[in-house]
């Protein structure tokens, strides 16, 4: 997380360094880290809402991260609101396919 938010070093001193991994492992680590982060800061008393615009331009890694957050049953107090332009999408666009995956997962 400190690589994404360098100012964390001022709040949490002496952050450990993490091992360098391959691309897939790094994406998995980031997904897990963000899942745990949002679970820890969103509570019933303090829910979090995030609005994301122009999702039609999102890349696969971002869409996978969003899918994991949306489908995680333990992440109860996080609401993601996404906006996109359906007229700019085709049936094979990554966003369309990811939305279908999310819908199938229940």
C-alpha atoms as a PDB file:
ATOM      1  CA  UNK A   1       0.000   0.000   0.000  1.00  0.00           C
ATOM      2  CA  UNK A   2       2.918   2.323   0.722  1.00  0.00           C
ATOM      3  CA  UNK A   3       4.016   2.083  -2.901  1.00  0.00           C
ATOM      4  CA  UNK A   4       0.585   3.400  -3.939  1.00  0.00           C
ATOM      5  CA  UNK A   5       0.382   6.004  -1.162  1.00  0.00           C
ATOM      6  CA  UNK A   6       3.937   7.063  -0.237  1.00  0.00           C
ATOM      7  CA  UNK A   7       2.694   9.471   2.458  1.00  0.00           C
ATOM      8  CA  UNK A   8       1.676   6.461   4.553  1.00  0.00           C
ATOM      9  CA  UNK A   9       5.257   6.450   5.811  1.00  0.00           C
ATOM     10  CA  UNK A  10       4.369   9.566   7.831  1.00  0.00           C
ATOM     11  CA  UNK A  11       1.433   7.810   9.504  1.00  0.00           C
ATOM     12  CA  UNK A  12       2.909   4.333   9.829  1.00  0.00           C
ATOM     13  CA  UNK A  13       6.668   4.561  10.343  1.00  0.00           C
ATOM     14  CA  UNK A  14       9.077   1.722   9.602  1.00  0.00           C
ATOM     15  CA  UNK A  15       6.962   0.024   6.980  1.00  0.00           C
ATOM     16  CA  UNK A  16       8.482  -3.282   5.947  1.00  0.00           C
ATOM     17  CA  UNK A  17       9.668  -3.741   2.398  1.00  0.00           C
ATOM     18  CA  UNK A  18       7.892  -6.366   0.350  1.00  0.00           C
ATOM     19  CA  UNK A  19       9.394  -8.860  -2.028  1.00  0.00           C
ATOM     20  CA  UNK A  20       9.233  -8.088  -5.734  1.00  0.00           C
ATOM     21  CA  UNK A  21       6.901 -10.440  -7.557  1.00  0.00           C
ATOM     22  CA  UNK A  22       5.790 -11.118 -11.095  1.00  0.00           C
ATOM     23  CA  UNK A  23       2.959  -9.175 -12.712  1.00  0.00           C
ATOM     24  CA  UNK A  24       0.188 -11.661 -11.869  1.00  0.00           C
ATOM     25  CA  UNK A  25       1.352 -12.122  -8.294  1.00  0.00           C
ATOM     26  CA  UNK A  26       1.612  -8.352  -7.845  1.00  0.00           C
ATOM     27  CA  UNK A  27      -1.951  -7.887  -9.129  1.00  0.00           C
ATOM     28  CA  UNK A  28      -3.182 -10.626  -6.781  1.00  0.00           C
ATOM     29  CA  UNK A  29      -1.360  -9.000  -3.868  1.00  0.00           C
ATOM     30  CA  UNK A  30      -2.891  -5.606  -4.684  1.00  0.00           C
ATOM     31  CA  UNK A  31      -6.384  -7.085  -5.006  1.00  0.00           C
ATOM     32  CA  UNK A  32      -6.055  -8.845  -1.656  1.00  0.00           C
ATOM     33  CA  UNK A  33      -4.607  -5.744  -0.012  1.00  0.00           C
ATOM     34  CA  UNK A  34      -7.392  -3.470  -1.268  1.00  0.00           C
ATOM     35  CA  UNK A  35     -10.048  -6.017  -0.277  1.00  0.00           C
ATOM     36  CA  UNK A  36      -8.665  -6.120   3.256  1.00  0.00           C
ATOM     37  CA  UNK A  37      -8.233  -2.339   3.331  1.00  0.00           C
ATOM     38  CA  UNK A  38     -11.857  -1.600   2.385  1.00  0.00           C
ATOM     39  CA  UNK A  39     -13.142  -4.252   4.794  1.00  0.00           C
ATOM     40  CA  UNK A  40     -11.173  -2.693   7.621  1.00  0.00           C
ATOM     41  CA  UNK A  41     -12.217   0.938   7.046  1.00  0.00           C
ATOM     42  CA  UNK A  42     -15.862   0.471   6.040  1.00  0.00           C
ATOM     43  CA  UNK A  43     -18.166  -0.349   8.913  1.00  0.00           C
ATOM     44  CA  UNK A  44     -21.879  -0.271   9.603  1.00  0.00           C
ATOM     45  CA  UNK A  45     -21.390   3.030  11.415  1.00  0.00           C
ATOM     46  CA  UNK A  46     -19.118   4.423   8.671  1.00  0.00           C
ATOM     47  CA  UNK A  47     -19.967   2.918   5.282  1.00  0.00           C
ATOM     48  CA  UNK A  48     -18.016   4.002   2.218  1.00  0.00           C
ATOM     49  CA  UNK A  49     -19.404   4.941  -1.182  1.00  0.00           C
ATOM     50  CA  UNK A  50     -17.131   5.205  -4.213  1.00  0.00           C
ATOM     51  CA  UNK A  51     -18.290   6.616  -7.525  1.00  0.00           C
ATOM     52  CA  UNK A  52     -16.384   5.592 -10.643  1.00  0.00           C
ATOM     53  CA  UNK A  53     -17.092   7.305 -13.955  1.00  0.00           C
ATOM     54  CA  UNK A  54     -16.303   6.267 -17.534  1.00  0.00           C
ATOM     55  CA  UNK A  55     -15.960   2.564 -16.761  1.00  0.00           C
ATOM     56  CA  UNK A  56     -16.154   1.835 -20.485  1.00  0.00           C
ATOM     57  CA  UNK A  57     -12.444   2.770 -20.581  1.00  0.00           C
ATOM     58  CA  UNK A  58     -11.357   0.629 -17.609  1.00  0.00           C
ATOM     59  CA  UNK A  59      -8.655  -1.967 -18.208  1.00  0.00           C
ATOM     60  CA  UNK A  60      -8.971  -5.660 -17.327  1.00  0.00           C
ATOM     61  CA  UNK A  61      -6.898  -5.430 -14.149  1.00  0.00           C
ATOM     62  CA  UNK A  62      -9.106  -2.635 -12.790  1.00  0.00           C
ATOM     63  CA  UNK A  63     -12.267  -4.494 -13.753  1.00  0.00           C
ATOM     64  CA  UNK A  64     -11.002  -7.638 -12.006  1.00  0.00           C
ATOM     65  CA  UNK A  65     -10.312  -5.602  -8.874  1.00  0.00           C
ATOM     66  CA  UNK A  66     -13.818  -4.120  -8.978  1.00  0.00           C
ATOM     67  CA  UNK A  67     -15.351  -7.557  -9.524  1.00  0.00           C
ATOM     68  CA  UNK A  68     -13.517  -8.906  -6.470  1.00  0.00           C
ATOM     69  CA  UNK A  69     -14.726  -6.010  -4.324  1.00  0.00           C
ATOM     70  CA  UNK A  70     -18.309  -6.324  -5.573  1.00  0.00           C
ATOM     71  CA  UNK A  71     -18.567 -10.080  -5.159  1.00  0.00           C
ATOM     72  CA  UNK A  72     -16.822 -10.307  -1.769  1.00  0.00           C
ATOM     73  CA  UNK A  73     -19.624 -11.163   0.664  1.00  0.00           C
ATOM     74  CA  UNK A  74     -17.548  -9.941   3.626  1.00  0.00           C
ATOM     75  CA  UNK A  75     -17.235  -6.427   2.194  1.00  0.00           C
ATOM     76  CA  UNK A  76     -20.714  -5.406   3.377  1.00  0.00           C
ATOM     77  CA  UNK A  77     -20.336  -1.681   3.933  1.00  0.00           C
ATOM     78  CA  UNK A  78     -18.741  -0.612   0.669  1.00  0.00           C
ATOM     79  CA  UNK A  79     -20.974   0.655  -2.112  1.00  0.00           C
ATOM     80  CA  UNK A  80     -19.468   1.005  -5.565  1.00  0.00           C
ATOM     81  CA  UNK A  81     -21.399   3.095  -8.069  1.00  0.00           C
ATOM     82  CA  UNK A  82     -20.206   2.913 -11.641  1.00  0.00           C
ATOM     83  CA  UNK A  83     -21.174   4.951 -14.666  1.00  0.00           C
ATOM     84  CA  UNK A  84     -20.465   4.128 -18.275  1.00  0.00           C
ATOM     85  CA  UNK A  85     -21.708   4.945 -21.732  1.00  0.00           C
ATOM     86  CA  UNK A  86     -23.554   1.879 -22.991  1.00  0.00           C
ATOM     87  CA  UNK A  87     -23.630   3.231 -26.534  1.00  0.00           C
ATOM     88  CA  UNK A  88     -19.816   3.006 -26.598  1.00  0.00           C
ATOM     89  CA  UNK A  89     -19.799  -0.686 -25.627  1.00  0.00           C
ATOM     90  CA  UNK A  90     -20.038  -3.815 -27.716  1.00  0.00           C
ATOM     91  CA  UNK A  91     -20.886  -7.333 -26.558  1.00  0.00           C
ATOM     92  CA  UNK A  92     -17.192  -8.232 -26.441  1.00  0.00           C
ATOM     93  CA  UNK A  93     -15.930  -5.211 -24.503  1.00  0.00           C
ATOM     94  CA  UNK A  94     -14.151  -6.053 -21.230  1.00  0.00           C
ATOM     95  CA  UNK A  95     -16.703  -4.100 -19.159  1.00  0.00           C
ATOM     96  CA  UNK A  96     -19.662  -5.905 -20.721  1.00  0.00           C
ATOM     97  CA  UNK A  97     -18.035  -9.294 -20.131  1.00  0.00           C
ATOM     98  CA  UNK A  98     -17.115  -8.404 -16.532  1.00  0.00           C
ATOM     99  CA  UNK A  99     -20.649  -7.175 -15.767  1.00  0.00           C
ATOM    100  CA  UNK A 100     -22.001 -10.487 -17.086  1.00  0.00           C
ATOM    101  CA  UNK A 101     -19.545 -12.377 -14.852  1.00  0.00           C
ATOM    102  CA  UNK A 102     -20.639 -10.347 -11.814  1.00  0.00           C
ATOM    103  CA  UNK A 103     -24.301 -10.964 -12.595  1.00  0.00           C
ATOM    104  CA  UNK A 104     -23.727 -14.722 -12.987  1.00  0.00           C
ATOM    105  CA  UNK A 105     -21.925 -14.851  -9.637  1.00  0.00           C
ATOM    106  CA  UNK A 106     -25.072 -13.647  -7.898  1.00  0.00           C
END
